[in-house]
Protein backbone atom coordinates (compact mmCIF):
# COMPACT_ATOMS: atom_id res chain seq x y z
CA MET A 1 100.95 179.85 93.22
CA ALA A 2 104.59 179.10 95.41
CA SER A 3 104.93 179.59 98.91
CA ILE A 4 108.70 181.18 99.65
CA ALA A 5 110.48 182.81 102.16
CA VAL A 6 113.03 185.06 101.74
CA ILE A 7 115.96 185.06 103.98
CA GLY A 8 117.84 188.12 104.21
CA ALA A 9 115.62 190.86 102.85
CA GLY A 10 117.84 193.77 102.23
CA ALA A 11 117.88 195.65 99.01
CA VAL A 12 118.27 192.30 97.02
CA GLY A 13 116.00 189.83 99.10
CA GLY A 14 113.30 192.77 99.28
CA TYR A 15 113.60 193.92 95.60
CA TYR A 16 112.64 190.28 93.99
CA GLY A 17 110.55 188.79 96.82
CA ALA A 18 108.41 192.13 95.78
CA LEU A 19 108.49 191.01 92.36
CA LEU A 20 107.25 187.56 93.45
CA ALA A 21 104.55 188.81 96.07
CA ARG A 22 103.46 191.51 93.53
CA ALA A 23 102.61 188.00 91.27
CA GLY A 24 100.45 186.71 93.62
CA HIS A 25 103.27 184.40 95.48
CA ASP A 26 103.17 183.95 99.25
CA VAL A 27 106.87 185.48 100.01
CA ARG A 28 107.46 185.62 103.61
CA PHE A 29 110.38 188.19 104.68
CA LEU A 30 112.88 187.44 107.35
CA LEU A 31 113.21 190.99 108.52
CA ARG A 32 115.72 192.51 111.49
CA SER A 33 115.97 196.31 110.91
CA ASP A 34 113.00 197.18 108.87
CA LEU A 35 110.65 194.74 110.84
CA GLU A 36 108.19 197.06 112.37
CA THR A 37 108.18 199.77 109.85
CA VAL A 38 107.47 197.04 106.98
CA ARG A 39 104.42 195.46 109.37
CA ALA A 40 103.21 198.61 109.42
CA ARG A 41 103.80 200.41 106.17
CA GLY A 42 104.98 197.25 103.58
CA LEU A 43 107.37 197.68 101.35
CA ASP A 44 108.20 200.67 98.36
CA VAL A 45 109.94 200.02 95.70
CA ARG A 46 111.49 202.73 93.41
CA SER A 47 112.13 201.13 89.90
CA VAL A 48 113.09 202.33 86.84
CA GLN A 49 110.99 199.58 85.26
CA GLY A 50 108.01 201.34 87.20
CA ASP A 51 107.65 202.11 91.06
CA PHE A 52 104.87 199.94 93.32
CA ARG A 53 103.93 199.22 96.40
CA LEU A 54 102.97 196.81 98.62
CA PRO A 55 101.10 198.17 101.18
CA VAL A 56 100.51 194.21 103.36
CA VAL A 57 103.59 192.32 103.71
CA ALA A 58 104.39 189.12 105.29
CA ALA A 59 107.09 190.29 107.57
CA PHE A 60 108.31 187.65 110.29
CA ALA A 61 111.16 188.20 113.07
CA THR A 62 112.26 184.63 113.28
CA PRO A 63 112.67 181.54 110.39
CA ASP A 64 109.87 179.57 112.50
CA GLU A 65 107.23 181.87 112.14
CA ILE A 66 107.68 181.66 108.83
CA GLY A 67 107.66 177.65 108.72
CA PRO A 68 107.63 175.23 105.78
CA VAL A 69 107.65 176.87 102.38
CA ASP A 70 108.02 175.85 98.82
CA TRP A 71 110.95 177.85 98.16
CA VAL A 72 113.91 179.53 100.41
CA ILE A 73 115.53 182.36 98.63
CA CYS A 74 118.52 183.01 100.70
CA THR A 75 120.09 186.95 100.09
CA LEU A 76 122.27 187.20 102.97
CA LYS A 77 125.31 188.92 102.96
CA ALA A 78 128.56 186.53 102.18
CA THR A 79 129.41 187.82 105.75
CA ALA A 80 126.89 185.78 107.43
CA LEU A 81 127.00 182.69 105.92
CA ALA A 82 127.74 180.76 109.24
CA ASP A 83 124.16 181.80 110.38
CA ALA A 84 122.38 180.45 107.15
CA ARG A 85 121.89 176.66 107.83
CA GLU A 86 119.79 177.94 111.10
CA LEU A 87 117.78 180.40 109.60
CA ILE A 88 116.75 178.54 106.55
CA ARG A 89 116.54 174.68 108.50
CA PRO A 90 112.80 175.79 110.14
CA CYS A 91 111.75 176.86 106.37
CA LEU A 92 112.35 173.14 104.99
CA GLY A 93 110.11 170.36 104.10
CA PRO A 94 110.48 167.31 102.59
CA ARG A 95 110.91 168.75 99.01
CA THR A 96 111.69 172.61 99.59
CA ARG A 97 114.11 173.96 97.24
CA ILE A 98 116.75 176.34 98.02
CA LEU A 99 118.57 179.00 96.19
CA ALA A 100 121.46 180.97 96.95
CA LEU A 101 121.23 184.46 95.83
CA MET A 102 124.33 185.83 97.40
CA ASN A 103 127.68 186.87 95.87
CA GLY A 104 131.28 184.68 95.79
CA LEU A 105 132.65 181.29 95.41
CA GLY A 106 131.91 178.11 97.35
CA ILE A 107 128.27 179.21 98.59
CA GLU A 108 126.28 176.41 97.25
CA ASP A 109 129.36 173.76 98.81
CA GLN A 110 128.49 174.57 101.83
CA PHE A 111 124.47 174.61 101.45
CA ALA A 112 124.57 171.37 99.71
CA ALA A 113 126.64 169.89 102.62
CA TRP A 114 124.18 170.75 104.81
CA PHE A 115 120.76 170.37 102.81
CA GLY A 116 121.90 168.22 100.11
CA GLY A 117 122.88 169.02 96.40
CA ASP A 118 119.74 167.71 94.75
CA ARG A 119 117.53 170.96 96.60
CA VAL A 120 120.38 173.73 95.77
CA PHE A 121 120.48 175.94 93.58
CA GLY A 122 123.06 179.09 92.32
CA GLY A 123 121.72 182.50 91.62
CA MET A 124 124.05 185.31 90.16
CA ALA A 125 121.98 188.66 89.90
CA PHE A 126 123.54 191.56 88.02
CA VAL A 127 121.20 194.79 89.14
CA CYS A 128 121.83 197.58 90.67
CA ILE A 129 120.03 198.47 93.68
CA ASN A 130 120.39 199.68 96.58
CA ARG A 131 118.23 200.43 100.32
CA GLY A 132 116.76 203.24 100.45
CA GLY A 133 115.14 204.55 104.28
CA PRO A 134 113.42 201.80 106.13
CA GLY A 135 111.44 199.78 103.82
CA VAL A 136 112.52 201.61 100.65
CA ILE A 137 114.09 199.69 97.79
CA HIS A 138 115.39 201.75 94.92
CA HIS A 139 116.34 200.09 91.99
CA LEU A 140 118.10 201.82 89.68
CA GLU A 141 119.31 199.33 86.66
CA TYR A 142 119.15 195.99 85.25
CA GLY A 143 118.01 192.47 87.57
CA ARG A 144 118.59 190.05 84.98
CA VAL A 145 119.64 186.57 87.55
CA SER A 146 121.72 184.20 86.31
CA ILE A 147 120.76 180.89 87.28
CA ALA A 148 122.40 177.40 87.57
CA HIS A 149 121.33 173.74 89.74
CA TYR A 150 124.04 171.85 91.93
CA ARG A 151 123.53 168.79 90.10
CA ASP A 152 122.63 170.23 86.43
CA ASP A 153 119.14 168.62 86.90
CA GLU A 154 117.34 170.75 83.29
CA ALA A 155 114.25 169.91 84.90
CA GLU A 156 114.94 171.54 88.21
CA LEU A 157 115.98 174.74 86.61
CA ASP A 158 112.78 174.74 84.74
CA ALA A 159 111.03 175.27 88.02
CA LEU A 160 113.04 177.98 88.98
CA ARG A 161 113.26 179.81 85.75
CA GLU A 162 109.58 179.50 85.75
CA LEU A 163 109.17 180.92 88.96
CA LEU A 164 111.09 183.94 88.57
CA GLU A 165 109.84 185.19 85.14
CA SER A 166 106.14 184.51 86.92
CA GLY A 167 107.63 187.74 88.75
CA GLY A 168 108.67 189.35 86.10
CA ILE A 169 112.46 188.63 86.48
CA GLU A 170 114.43 187.96 83.70
CA ALA A 171 116.50 184.65 84.24
CA GLY A 172 119.11 183.08 82.14
CA VAL A 173 120.48 179.91 82.71
CA ALA A 174 124.37 179.43 82.84
CA PRO A 175 126.50 176.46 81.48
CA ASN A 176 126.91 175.54 85.10
CA LEU A 177 127.12 176.75 88.15
CA LEU A 178 130.59 177.24 88.21
CA TYR A 179 130.74 179.08 84.96
CA ALA A 180 127.62 181.58 86.59
CA ARG A 181 130.03 182.02 89.47
CA TRP A 182 133.28 183.39 87.72
CA GLU A 183 131.02 185.32 85.49
CA LYS A 184 129.81 187.27 88.34
CA LEU A 185 133.18 187.28 89.62
CA CYS A 186 134.21 189.25 86.67
CA TRP A 187 132.51 192.39 87.75
CA ASN A 188 132.84 191.83 91.73
CA ILE A 189 136.50 191.36 92.09
CA PRO A 190 137.23 194.71 90.16
CA PHE A 191 134.59 197.05 90.59
CA ASN A 192 133.75 196.38 94.63
CA GLY A 193 137.91 195.74 95.10
CA LEU A 194 139.07 199.20 93.29
CA SER A 195 135.62 200.77 95.15
CA VAL A 196 137.35 200.20 98.23
CA ALA A 197 140.96 199.91 97.88
CA ALA A 198 140.86 203.10 95.91
CA GLY A 199 139.55 204.98 99.04
CA GLY A 200 135.85 204.89 98.98
CA VAL A 201 134.69 205.40 95.04
CA GLY A 202 131.90 204.61 92.74
CA THR A 203 132.22 203.17 89.21
CA GLN A 204 132.42 206.30 87.16
CA THR A 205 135.83 207.35 89.44
CA ILE A 206 137.05 203.69 87.91
CA LEU A 207 135.83 203.99 84.71
CA ARG A 208 137.30 208.24 83.88
CA ASP A 209 140.39 207.05 85.84
CA LYS A 210 142.68 205.96 83.21
CA ALA A 211 145.05 204.12 86.21
CA LEU A 212 142.21 202.93 87.82
CA ARG A 213 140.50 201.83 84.67
CA SER A 214 143.64 200.04 83.28
CA VAL A 215 143.69 198.13 86.92
CA ALA A 216 140.16 197.08 86.47
CA GLU A 217 140.54 195.71 82.86
CA GLN A 218 143.86 193.92 84.14
CA ALA A 219 141.92 192.16 86.98
CA MET A 220 139.01 190.94 84.72
CA GLN A 221 141.49 189.55 82.70
CA GLU A 222 142.89 187.32 85.47
CA VAL A 223 139.60 186.88 86.89
CA THR A 224 138.39 185.01 83.54
CA ALA A 225 142.04 182.98 83.00
CA VAL A 226 141.23 181.34 86.87
CA GLY A 227 137.88 180.99 85.95
CA ASN A 228 138.88 179.08 82.61
CA ALA A 229 141.53 177.22 85.20
CA ASP A 230 138.85 176.20 87.41
CA LEU A 231 136.12 174.92 84.80
CA ALA A 232 139.22 172.89 83.38
CA ALA A 233 139.99 171.19 86.31
CA ALA A 234 136.45 170.70 87.25
CA GLY A 235 135.67 168.83 83.56
CA SER A 236 133.69 171.69 82.37
CA THR A 237 133.92 172.44 78.67
CA ALA A 238 132.54 176.17 79.21
CA ARG A 239 134.70 179.42 79.11
CA LEU A 240 135.01 182.95 79.30
CA ASP A 241 136.04 185.08 76.68
CA GLY A 242 137.55 187.50 78.08
CA ASP A 243 138.17 190.55 75.76
CA GLU A 244 134.28 189.66 75.25
CA VAL A 245 134.03 189.73 79.06
CA VAL A 246 135.62 192.94 79.38
CA ARG A 247 133.60 194.89 76.36
CA ARG A 248 130.51 193.14 77.76
CA MET A 249 131.07 194.60 81.48
CA PHE A 250 132.35 197.79 80.90
CA ALA A 251 129.42 198.84 78.81
CA LEU A 252 127.05 197.76 81.08
CA THR A 253 128.91 199.82 83.91
CA ASP A 254 128.51 202.53 81.56
CA THR A 255 125.21 203.07 81.78
CA MET A 256 125.42 202.33 85.54
CA GLY A 257 125.89 206.33 86.96
CA ASP A 258 127.98 206.75 89.51
CA TYR A 259 126.91 203.30 91.34
CA ARG A 260 128.20 202.25 94.90
CA THR A 261 129.32 198.71 94.63
CA SER A 262 127.48 196.87 98.32
CA MET A 263 131.56 196.37 99.46
CA LEU A 264 131.79 200.45 99.24
CA ILE A 265 128.75 200.69 100.56
CA ASP A 266 129.36 198.74 103.55
CA PHE A 267 132.91 199.78 104.06
CA VAL A 268 131.81 203.74 104.36
CA LEU A 269 129.23 202.34 107.58
CA GLY A 270 131.61 200.75 108.75
CA ARG A 271 130.27 197.18 108.26
CA THR A 272 132.50 193.71 107.94
CA LEU A 273 133.05 193.37 104.10
CA GLU A 274 132.44 190.06 102.05
CA VAL A 275 136.32 190.37 101.04
CA GLU A 276 137.14 186.68 101.49
CA ALA A 277 134.20 185.53 99.09
CA ILE A 278 134.55 187.83 96.73
CA LEU A 279 138.47 188.24 96.69
CA GLY A 280 140.09 185.68 99.05
CA GLU A 281 138.56 182.37 97.60
CA PRO A 282 139.29 183.24 94.27
CA TRP A 283 142.90 184.48 95.20
CA ARG A 284 142.93 181.12 96.76
CA ARG A 285 141.74 179.23 94.16
CA ALA A 286 144.61 180.75 91.61
CA GLU A 287 147.22 179.89 93.89
CA ALA A 288 145.63 176.02 93.88
CA LEU A 289 145.54 176.34 90.33
CA GLY A 290 148.99 177.58 89.67
CA VAL A 291 147.05 180.66 87.75
CA THR A 292 149.27 184.15 88.04
CA ALA A 293 146.84 186.64 89.18
CA PRO A 294 148.64 189.23 90.67
CA THR A 295 145.88 191.95 89.99
CA ILE A 296 143.33 189.71 92.60
CA GLY A 297 146.21 189.72 94.65
CA THR A 298 146.83 192.73 95.02
CA LEU A 299 143.12 194.26 95.39
CA TYR A 300 142.66 191.12 98.00
CA ALA A 301 145.33 192.52 100.17
CA LEU A 302 144.39 195.94 100.00
CA VAL A 303 140.95 195.28 100.82
CA ARG A 304 141.22 192.95 103.52
CA ALA A 305 143.65 195.08 105.21
CA ALA A 306 140.89 197.91 104.81
CA ASP A 307 138.56 195.53 105.93
CA GLN A 308 140.71 194.72 109.22
CA ARG A 309 141.20 198.09 110.10
CA GLY A 310 137.79 199.19 109.88
CA ARG A 311 137.07 195.65 112.56
CA GLY A 312 139.76 196.70 114.94
CA LEU A 313 141.98 193.97 113.89
CA MET A 314 144.99 196.17 112.60
CA ARG A 315 145.97 199.27 113.79
CA GLY A 316 145.68 202.61 111.40
CA LEU A 317 148.31 205.69 111.95
CA GLY A 318 146.37 208.53 113.08
CA PRO A 319 147.56 212.04 113.43
CA GLU A 320 149.33 211.69 116.71
CA ASP A 321 151.25 208.49 115.27
CA VAL A 322 152.47 210.93 112.64
CA ARG A 323 153.23 214.09 114.54
CA GLN A 324 155.63 211.72 116.75
CA ALA A 325 157.27 210.39 114.35
CA PRO A 326 161.06 210.97 113.66
CA VAL A 327 161.80 212.19 110.26
CA VAL A 328 164.08 210.38 107.83
């Protein structure tokens, strides 16, 4: 059995970490707001695949308390990427491997710069999951993790796949890390982006509204075009099939119910949005590659503005501003 540190044990880290702990691995969770509750009551996972509870959980307040482990699974928000280095460092031994189970583009490049690419993996979770109350995780649907190694080392990938599958986690090996990132962005850009740009809506609203659905489809086609250009520029022969991706992603989304994206939840709760990792970096990549991506650019501009207003960096107008404005 492996020792595993879960850094950023929110819904995603809590769910996958709990599956691995249930299988007998020594899983150590780094927690903040839920720390005392989880220490006292454990973790309660309510899942479409069967509910289960871990009455005793190794929960820690600092990474120094966790110490060196075999694996680090980092599930921080991309907005907390700057904190990842110091949170992970105390958990590293000479042979520790690191899985970045995070949203966005360019995540593993930063991890490789800090810790060396040989030990870095990327994971893209295709899962419908939300936090409930403290220590409660709601797993609504799916759960597959698409994995890749920073150096494309097949033996290393086998080790990660075996670890995940030992916990009952479906692990699919992507052609390469860049492909896996763009495939996940095919869903994240249109659905996370529109859930905020449309003012705060769930996935069923996007699917059922003709205009919003059309924007989502166009965004998805643009993501595949930019992703394929990026793959070609990197020397990869792997390609995303735009029409197939649209059919598959929309079919999957239709089974989710009115799912609240992670970005929507952050928006409604007034948190900082993962706008740069999910929308900004792909848009800048499109610009650099000379690929026209107006829908991605529009979503980025709108969500970035919403994020800035929420953080007080851009002034929005209120009722008093409107009442005092001259009528034109």
